[in-house]
Amino acid sequence: NPPQVKRGMILKLLVIVLVSVIVFWFVGKGWPRLKTTFRQRLLPLILSPVAFPIIKRVFWVLLRLLFRR
């Protein structure tokens, strides 16, 4: 069933987009304190040379798990 698979993938993409939009809205427009905390503490941690490859690897594994089904 190619149409069903296509619909499922579109649905998953929509869910991913929705979640990311909500997260970015929450970080951007939610609480200014949360935003500054994110920018000062979490962002350097995420972009640090140690954590970045691990986060990237986890992200790719999650993507593969999402699109395998």
Foldseek 3Di string as FASTA:
>chain_A
DVVVLVVLVVVLVVVVVVVVVVVCCCLPVNDVVSVVCCVPPVVCVCPPPVNVVVVVVVVVVVVCVSSVD
